[in-house]
All heavy atoms as atom14 arrays in JSON, in Angstrom:
{
  "sequence": "RDPAVGGGPSTVLGCQYESSVFSDRAPAGAVLLR",
  "atom14_mask": [
    [1, 1, 1, 1, 1, 1, 1, 1, 1, 1, 1, 0, 0, 0],
    [1, 1, 1, 1, 1, 1, 1, 1, 0, 0, 0, 0, 0, 0],
    [1, 1, 1, 1, 1, 1, 1, 0, 0, 0, 0, 0, 0, 0],
    [1, 1, 1, 1, 1, 0, 0, 0, 0, 0, 0, 0, 0, 0],
    [1, 1, 1, 1, 1, 1, 1, 0, 0, 0, 0, 0, 0, 0],
    [1, 1, 1, 1, 0, 0, 0, 0, 0, 0, 0, 0, 0, 0],
    [1, 1, 1, 1, 0, 0, 0, 0, 0, 0, 0, 0, 0, 0],
    [1, 1, 1, 1, 0, 0, 0, 0, 0, 0, 0, 0, 0, 0],
    [1, 1, 1, 1, 1, 1, 1, 0, 0, 0, 0, 0, 0, 0],
    [1, 1, 1, 1, 1, 1, 0, 0, 0, 0, 0, 0, 0, 0],
    [1, 1, 1, 1, 1, 1, 1, 0, 0, 0, 0, 0, 0, 0],
    [1, 1, 1, 1, 1, 1, 1, 0, 0, 0, 0, 0, 0, 0],
    [1, 1, 1, 1, 1, 1, 1, 1, 0, 0, 0, 0, 0, 0],
    [1, 1, 1, 1, 0, 0, 0, 0, 0, 0, 0, 0, 0, 0],
    [1, 1, 1, 1, 1, 1, 0, 0, 0, 0, 0, 0, 0, 0],
    [1, 1, 1, 1, 1, 1, 1, 1, 1, 0, 0, 0, 0, 0],
    [1, 1, 1, 1, 1, 1, 1, 1, 1, 1, 1, 1, 0, 0],
    [1, 1, 1, 1, 1, 1, 1, 1, 1, 0, 0, 0, 0, 0],
    [1, 1, 1, 1, 1, 1, 0, 0, 0, 0, 0, 0, 0, 0],
    [1, 1, 1, 1, 1, 1, 0, 0, 0, 0, 0, 0, 0, 0],
    [1, 1, 1, 1, 1, 1, 1, 0, 0, 0, 0, 0, 0, 0],
    [1, 1, 1, 1, 1, 1, 1, 1, 1, 1, 1, 0, 0, 0],
    [1, 1, 1, 1, 1, 1, 0, 0, 0, 0, 0, 0, 0, 0],
    [1, 1, 1, 1, 1, 1, 1, 1, 0, 0, 0, 0, 0, 0],
    [1, 1, 1, 1, 1, 1, 1, 1, 1, 1, 1, 0, 0, 0],
    [1, 1, 1, 1, 1, 0, 0, 0, 0, 0, 0, 0, 0, 0],
    [1, 1, 1, 1, 1, 1, 1, 0, 0, 0, 0, 0, 0, 0],
    [1, 1, 1, 1, 1, 0, 0, 0, 0, 0, 0, 0, 0, 0],
    [1, 1, 1, 1, 0, 0, 0, 0, 0, 0, 0, 0, 0, 0],
    [1, 1, 1, 1, 1, 0, 0, 0, 0, 0, 0, 0, 0, 0],
    [1, 1, 1, 1, 1, 1, 1, 0, 0, 0, 0, 0, 0, 0],
    [1, 1, 1, 1, 1, 1, 1, 1, 0, 0, 0, 0, 0, 0],
    [1, 1, 1, 1, 1, 1, 1, 1, 0, 0, 0, 0, 0, 0],
    [1, 1, 1, 1, 1, 1, 1, 1, 1, 1, 1, 0, 0, 0]
  ],
  "atom14_positions": [
    [[-198.12, -186.76, -38.17], [-196.73, -186.61, -38.62], [-195.72, -187.07, -37.58], [-194.57, -187.33, -37.9], [-196.45, -185.14, -38.94], [-197.45, -184.46, -39.82], [-197.39, -184.91, -41.25], [-196.04, -184.82, -41.83], [-195.79, -185.0, -43.12], [-196.78, -185.32, -43.95], [-194.56, -184.91, -43.58], [0.0, 0.0, 0.0], [0.0, 0.0, 0.0], [0.0, 0.0, 0.0]],
    [[-196.14, -187.14, -36.32], [-195.2, -187.35, -35.22], [-194.88, -188.83, -35.06], [-195.77, -189.65, -34.84], [-195.79, -186.81, -33.92], [-194.75, -186.57, -32.86], [-193.93, -187.48, -32.63], [-194.75, -185.47, -32.28], [0.0, 0.0, 0.0], [0.0, 0.0, 0.0], [0.0, 0.0, 0.0], [0.0, 0.0, 0.0], [0.0, 0.0, 0.0], [0.0, 0.0, 0.0]],
    [[-193.59, -189.23, -35.14], [-193.23, -190.64, -34.96], [-193.64, -191.19, -33.6], [-193.85, -192.4, -33.45], [-191.7, -190.63, -35.11], [-191.4, -189.39, -35.89], [-192.43, -188.39, -35.49], [0.0, 0.0, 0.0], [0.0, 0.0, 0.0], [0.0, 0.0, 0.0], [0.0, 0.0, 0.0], [0.0, 0.0, 0.0], [0.0, 0.0, 0.0], [0.0, 0.0, 0.0]],
    [[-193.79, -190.32, -32.59], [-194.15, -190.78, -31.25], [-195.54, -191.41, -31.21], [-195.84, -192.18, -30.3], [-194.08, -189.61, -30.26], [0.0, 0.0, 0.0], [0.0, 0.0, 0.0], [0.0, 0.0, 0.0], [0.0, 0.0, 0.0], [0.0, 0.0, 0.0], [0.0, 0.0, 0.0], [0.0, 0.0, 0.0], [0.0, 0.0, 0.0], [0.0, 0.0, 0.0]],
    [[-196.39, -191.09, -32.19], [-197.73, -191.68, -32.23], [-197.92, -192.49, -33.51], [-199.04, -192.65, -34.01], [-198.83, -190.6, -32.1], [-198.8, -190.0, -30.71], [-198.68, -189.53, -33.17], [0.0, 0.0, 0.0], [0.0, 0.0, 0.0], [0.0, 0.0, 0.0], [0.0, 0.0, 0.0], [0.0, 0.0, 0.0], [0.0, 0.0, 0.0], [0.0, 0.0, 0.0]],
    [[-196.8, -192.97, -34.04], [-196.88, -193.81, -35.23], [-197.06, -193.03, -36.51], [-197.43, -193.59, -37.54], [0.0, 0.0, 0.0], [0.0, 0.0, 0.0], [0.0, 0.0, 0.0], [0.0, 0.0, 0.0], [0.0, 0.0, 0.0], [0.0, 0.0, 0.0], [0.0, 0.0, 0.0], [0.0, 0.0, 0.0], [0.0, 0.0, 0.0], [0.0, 0.0, 0.0]],
    [[-196.82, -191.72, -36.46], [-196.88, -190.91, -37.67], [-195.57, -190.99, -38.42], [-194.6, -191.61, -37.97], [0.0, 0.0, 0.0], [0.0, 0.0, 0.0], [0.0, 0.0, 0.0], [0.0, 0.0, 0.0], [0.0, 0.0, 0.0], [0.0, 0.0, 0.0], [0.0, 0.0, 0.0], [0.0, 0.0, 0.0], [0.0, 0.0, 0.0], [0.0, 0.0, 0.0]],
    [[-195.52, -190.35, -39.57], [-194.29, -190.38, -40.33], [-194.4, -189.57, -41.6], [-195.43, -188.93, -41.87], [0.0, 0.0, 0.0], [0.0, 0.0, 0.0], [0.0, 0.0, 0.0], [0.0, 0.0, 0.0], [0.0, 0.0, 0.0], [0.0, 0.0, 0.0], [0.0, 0.0, 0.0], [0.0, 0.0, 0.0], [0.0, 0.0, 0.0], [0.0, 0.0, 0.0]],
    [[-193.35, -189.58, -42.4], [-193.35, -188.8, -43.64], [-194.46, -189.23, -44.58], [-194.75, -190.42, -44.72], [-191.97, -189.11, -44.25], [-191.15, -189.64, -43.14], [-192.1, -190.33, -42.21], [0.0, 0.0, 0.0], [0.0, 0.0, 0.0], [0.0, 0.0, 0.0], [0.0, 0.0, 0.0], [0.0, 0.0, 0.0], [0.0, 0.0, 0.0], [0.0, 0.0, 0.0]],
    [[-195.09, -188.27, -45.19], [-196.15, -188.56, -46.15], [-196.32, -187.32, -47.02], [-196.37, -186.2, -46.51], [-197.47, -188.88, -45.44], [-198.53, -188.93, -46.35], [0.0, 0.0, 0.0], [0.0, 0.0, 0.0], [0.0, 0.0, 0.0], [0.0, 0.0, 0.0], [0.0, 0.0, 0.0], [0.0, 0.0, 0.0], [0.0, 0.0, 0.0], [0.0, 0.0, 0.0]],
    [[-196.4, -187.53, -48.32], [-196.68, -186.41, -49.22], [-198.07, -185.87, -48.94], [-198.3, -184.67, -48.88], [-196.57, -186.86, -50.69], [-195.23, -187.26, -50.94], [-196.93, -185.73, -51.63], [0.0, 0.0, 0.0], [0.0, 0.0, 0.0], [0.0, 0.0, 0.0], [0.0, 0.0, 0.0], [0.0, 0.0, 0.0], [0.0, 0.0, 0.0], [0.0, 0.0, 0.0]],
    [[-199.03, -186.77, -48.78], [-200.42, -186.38, -48.52], [-200.57, -185.99, -47.05], [-200.24, -186.76, -46.15], [-201.38, -187.54, -48.86], [-202.79, -187.25, -48.34], [-201.41, -187.77, -50.37], [0.0, 0.0, 0.0], [0.0, 0.0, 0.0], [0.0, 0.0, 0.0], [0.0, 0.0, 0.0], [0.0, 0.0, 0.0], [0.0, 0.0, 0.0], [0.0, 0.0, 0.0]],
    [[-201.07, -184.79, -46.8], [-201.35, -184.34, -45.44], [-202.72, -184.81, -44.97], [-202.93, -185.05, -43.79], [-201.29, -182.8, -45.37], [-199.99, -182.13, -45.81], [-200.12, -180.62, -45.72], [-198.82, -182.62, -44.97], [0.0, 0.0, 0.0], [0.0, 0.0, 0.0], [0.0, 0.0, 0.0], [0.0, 0.0, 0.0], [0.0, 0.0, 0.0], [0.0, 0.0, 0.0]],
    [[-203.64, -184.9, -45.91], [-204.99, -185.34, -45.59], [-205.77, -185.53, -46.86], [-205.36, -185.08, -47.95], [0.0, 0.0, 0.0], [0.0, 0.0, 0.0], [0.0, 0.0, 0.0], [0.0, 0.0, 0.0], [0.0, 0.0, 0.0], [0.0, 0.0, 0.0], [0.0, 0.0, 0.0], [0.0, 0.0, 0.0], [0.0, 0.0, 0.0], [0.0, 0.0, 0.0]],
    [[-206.9, -186.2, -46.76], [-207.73, -186.47, -47.93], [-209.2, -186.36, -47.53], [-209.61, -186.92, -46.51], [-207.44, -187.87, -48.48], [-208.38, -188.29, -49.96], [0.0, 0.0, 0.0], [0.0, 0.0, 0.0], [0.0, 0.0, 0.0], [0.0, 0.0, 0.0], [0.0, 0.0, 0.0], [0.0, 0.0, 0.0], [0.0, 0.0, 0.0], [0.0, 0.0, 0.0]],
    [[-209.95, -185.6, -48.31], [-211.38, -185.44, -48.08], [-212.14, -186.28, -49.1], [-211.81, -186.27, -50.3], [-211.78, -183.97, -48.2], [-211.17, -183.11, -47.1], [-210.98, -181.66, -47.53], [-210.93, -181.34, -48.7], [-210.87, -180.78, -46.54], [0.0, 0.0, 0.0], [0.0, 0.0, 0.0], [0.0, 0.0, 0.0], [0.0, 0.0, 0.0], [0.0, 0.0, 0.0]],
    [[-213.15, -186.99, -48.64], [-213.99, -187.79, -49.52], [-215.14, -186.9, -50.0], [-216.25, -186.92, -49.46], [-214.51, -189.02, -48.79], [-213.44, -189.88, -48.15], [-213.76, -190.79, -47.13], [-212.11, -189.81, -48.54], [-212.78, -191.6, -46.54], [-211.12, -190.61, -47.96], [-211.47, -191.49, -46.96], [-210.5, -192.29, -46.37], [0.0, 0.0, 0.0], [0.0, 0.0, 0.0]],
    [[-214.85, -186.1, -51.0], [-215.75, -185.03, -51.4], [-217.18, -185.5, -51.69], [-218.15, -184.87, -51.27], [-215.19, -184.32, -52.64], [-213.92, -183.53, -52.39], [-214.19, -182.27, -51.62], [-214.63, -181.28, -52.21], [-213.99, -182.3, -50.39], [0.0, 0.0, 0.0], [0.0, 0.0, 0.0], [0.0, 0.0, 0.0], [0.0, 0.0, 0.0], [0.0, 0.0, 0.0]],
    [[-217.31, -186.6, -52.44], [-218.65, -187.06, -52.81], [-219.38, -187.7, -51.64], [-220.58, -187.96, -51.72], [-218.56, -188.04, -53.98], [-217.58, -189.03, -53.77], [0.0, 0.0, 0.0], [0.0, 0.0, 0.0], [0.0, 0.0, 0.0], [0.0, 0.0, 0.0], [0.0, 0.0, 0.0], [0.0, 0.0, 0.0], [0.0, 0.0, 0.0], [0.0, 0.0, 0.0]],
    [[-218.67, -187.95, -50.53], [-219.32, -188.44, -49.32], [-219.77, -187.3, -48.41], [-220.65, -187.47, -47.57], [-218.38, -189.35, -48.53], [-218.01, -190.49, -49.28], [0.0, 0.0, 0.0], [0.0, 0.0, 0.0], [0.0, 0.0, 0.0], [0.0, 0.0, 0.0], [0.0, 0.0, 0.0], [0.0, 0.0, 0.0], [0.0, 0.0, 0.0], [0.0, 0.0, 0.0]],
    [[-219.16, -186.13, -48.6], [-219.46, -184.98, -47.75], [-220.66, -184.21, -48.29], [-221.63, -183.93, -47.57], [-218.24, -184.07, -47.61], [-218.57, -182.87, -46.71], [-217.05, -184.83, -47.05], [0.0, 0.0, 0.0], [0.0, 0.0, 0.0], [0.0, 0.0, 0.0], [0.0, 0.0, 0.0], [0.0, 0.0, 0.0], [0.0, 0.0, 0.0], [0.0, 0.0, 0.0]],
    [[-220.62, -183.87, -49.57], [-221.7, -183.11, -50.19], [-222.21, -183.84, -51.42], [-221.44, -184.48, -52.14], [-221.22, -181.7, -50.58], [-220.84, -180.83, -49.42], [-219.53, -180.43, -49.24], [-221.79, -180.43, -48.51], [-219.17, -179.63, -48.17], [-221.45, -179.62, -47.43], [-220.14, -179.22, -47.26], [0.0, 0.0, 0.0], [0.0, 0.0, 0.0], [0.0, 0.0, 0.0]],
    [[-223.5, -183.72, -51.67], [-224.1, -184.4, -52.82], [-223.67, -183.74, -54.13], [-223.27, -182.57, -54.16], [-225.62, -184.36, -52.7], [-226.08, -183.02, -52.65], [0.0, 0.0, 0.0], [0.0, 0.0, 0.0], [0.0, 0.0, 0.0], [0.0, 0.0, 0.0], [0.0, 0.0, 0.0], [0.0, 0.0, 0.0], [0.0, 0.0, 0.0], [0.0, 0.0, 0.0]],
    [[-223.77, -184.5, -55.22], [-223.56, -184.0, -56.58], [-222.14, -183.49, -56.81], [-221.92, -182.57, -57.6], [-224.57, -182.9, -56.93], [-224.69, -182.68, -58.43], [-224.47, -183.65, -59.19], [-224.97, -181.55, -58.85], [0.0, 0.0, 0.0], [0.0, 0.0, 0.0], [0.0, 0.0, 0.0], [0.0, 0.0, 0.0], [0.0, 0.0, 0.0], [0.0, 0.0, 0.0]],
    [[-221.18, -184.08, -56.12], [-219.78, -183.73, -56.36], [-219.15, -184.6, -57.45], [-218.05, -184.34, -57.9], [-218.95, -183.88, -55.08], [-218.92, -182.74, -54.08], [-219.6, -181.51, -54.48], [-219.35, -180.39, -53.59], [-220.18, -179.39, -53.39], [-221.35, -179.38, -53.99], [-219.88, -178.38, -52.61], [0.0, 0.0, 0.0], [0.0, 0.0, 0.0], [0.0, 0.0, 0.0]],
    [[-219.85, -185.66, -57.86], [-219.34, -186.58, -58.86], [-220.51, -187.1, -59.68], [-221.66, -187.09, -59.21], [-218.6, -187.74, -58.19], [0.0, 0.0, 0.0], [0.0, 0.0, 0.0], [0.0, 0.0, 0.0], [0.0, 0.0, 0.0], [0.0, 0.0, 0.0], [0.0, 0.0, 0.0], [0.0, 0.0, 0.0], [0.0, 0.0, 0.0], [0.0, 0.0, 0.0]],
    [[-220.27, -187.58, -60.9], [-221.36, -188.17, -61.69], [-221.95, -189.39, -60.99], [-221.34, -189.96, -60.07], [-220.66, -188.58, -63.0], [-219.42, -187.74, -63.06], [-218.99, -187.54, -61.64], [0.0, 0.0, 0.0], [0.0, 0.0, 0.0], [0.0, 0.0, 0.0], [0.0, 0.0, 0.0], [0.0, 0.0, 0.0], [0.0, 0.0, 0.0], [0.0, 0.0, 0.0]],
    [[-223.12, -189.81, -61.41], [-223.79, -190.97, -60.8], [-222.88, -192.19, -60.85], [-222.28, -192.5, -61.87], [-225.09, -191.26, -61.55], [0.0, 0.0, 0.0], [0.0, 0.0, 0.0], [0.0, 0.0, 0.0], [0.0, 0.0, 0.0], [0.0, 0.0, 0.0], [0.0, 0.0, 0.0], [0.0, 0.0, 0.0], [0.0, 0.0, 0.0], [0.0, 0.0, 0.0]],
    [[-222.75, -192.85, -59.69], [-221.93, -194.04, -59.59], [-220.44, -193.79, -59.44], [-219.66, -194.74, -59.27], [0.0, 0.0, 0.0], [0.0, 0.0, 0.0], [0.0, 0.0, 0.0], [0.0, 0.0, 0.0], [0.0, 0.0, 0.0], [0.0, 0.0, 0.0], [0.0, 0.0, 0.0], [0.0, 0.0, 0.0], [0.0, 0.0, 0.0], [0.0, 0.0, 0.0]],
    [[-220.03, -192.53, -59.46], [-218.61, -192.18, -59.35], [-218.33, -191.54, -57.99], [-219.25, -191.17, -57.26], [-218.21, -191.23, -60.47], [0.0, 0.0, 0.0], [0.0, 0.0, 0.0], [0.0, 0.0, 0.0], [0.0, 0.0, 0.0], [0.0, 0.0, 0.0], [0.0, 0.0, 0.0], [0.0, 0.0, 0.0], [0.0, 0.0, 0.0], [0.0, 0.0, 0.0]],
    [[-217.06, -191.39, -57.66], [-216.66, -190.75, -56.4], [-215.53, -189.76, -56.68], [-214.8, -189.89, -57.66], [-216.21, -191.78, -55.34], [-217.36, -192.67, -54.94], [-215.03, -192.59, -55.82], [0.0, 0.0, 0.0], [0.0, 0.0, 0.0], [0.0, 0.0, 0.0], [0.0, 0.0, 0.0], [0.0, 0.0, 0.0], [0.0, 0.0, 0.0], [0.0, 0.0, 0.0]],
    [[-215.42, -188.79, -55.79], [-214.38, -187.76, -55.9], [-213.64, -187.65, -54.58], [-214.25, -187.51, -53.52], [-215.0, -186.41, -56.26], [-214.04, -185.23, -56.38], [-213.1, -185.42, -57.57], [-214.81, -183.91, -56.52], [0.0, 0.0, 0.0], [0.0, 0.0, 0.0], [0.0, 0.0, 0.0], [0.0, 0.0, 0.0], [0.0, 0.0, 0.0], [0.0, 0.0, 0.0]],
    [[-212.32, -187.71, -54.63], [-211.46, -187.47, -53.47], [-210.68, -186.18, -53.7], [-210.44, -185.78, -54.85], [-210.47, -188.62, -53.26], [-211.01, -190.05, -53.22], [-209.87, -191.02, -52.91], [-212.12, -190.19, -52.2], [0.0, 0.0, 0.0], [0.0, 0.0, 0.0], [0.0, 0.0, 0.0], [0.0, 0.0, 0.0], [0.0, 0.0, 0.0], [0.0, 0.0, 0.0]],
    [[-210.27, -185.56, -52.6], [-209.45, -184.35, -52.69], [-208.33, -184.45, -51.68], [-208.58, -184.49, -50.47], [-210.3, -183.1, -52.43], [-209.59, -181.81, -52.78], [-210.49, -180.62, -52.51], [-210.34, -180.14, -51.17], [-210.1, -178.85, -50.84], [-209.98, -177.95, -51.78], [-210.0, -178.51, -49.59], [0.0, 0.0, 0.0], [0.0, 0.0, 0.0], [0.0, 0.0, 0.0]]
  ]
}
């Protein structure tokens, strides 16, 4: 968030790649983000 390190305003604070972290979070061939 800090402009001193190239951060800035963003609605999204962070995003987890759910189907990359734990198995069976999405149907076969699909992905889930949070």
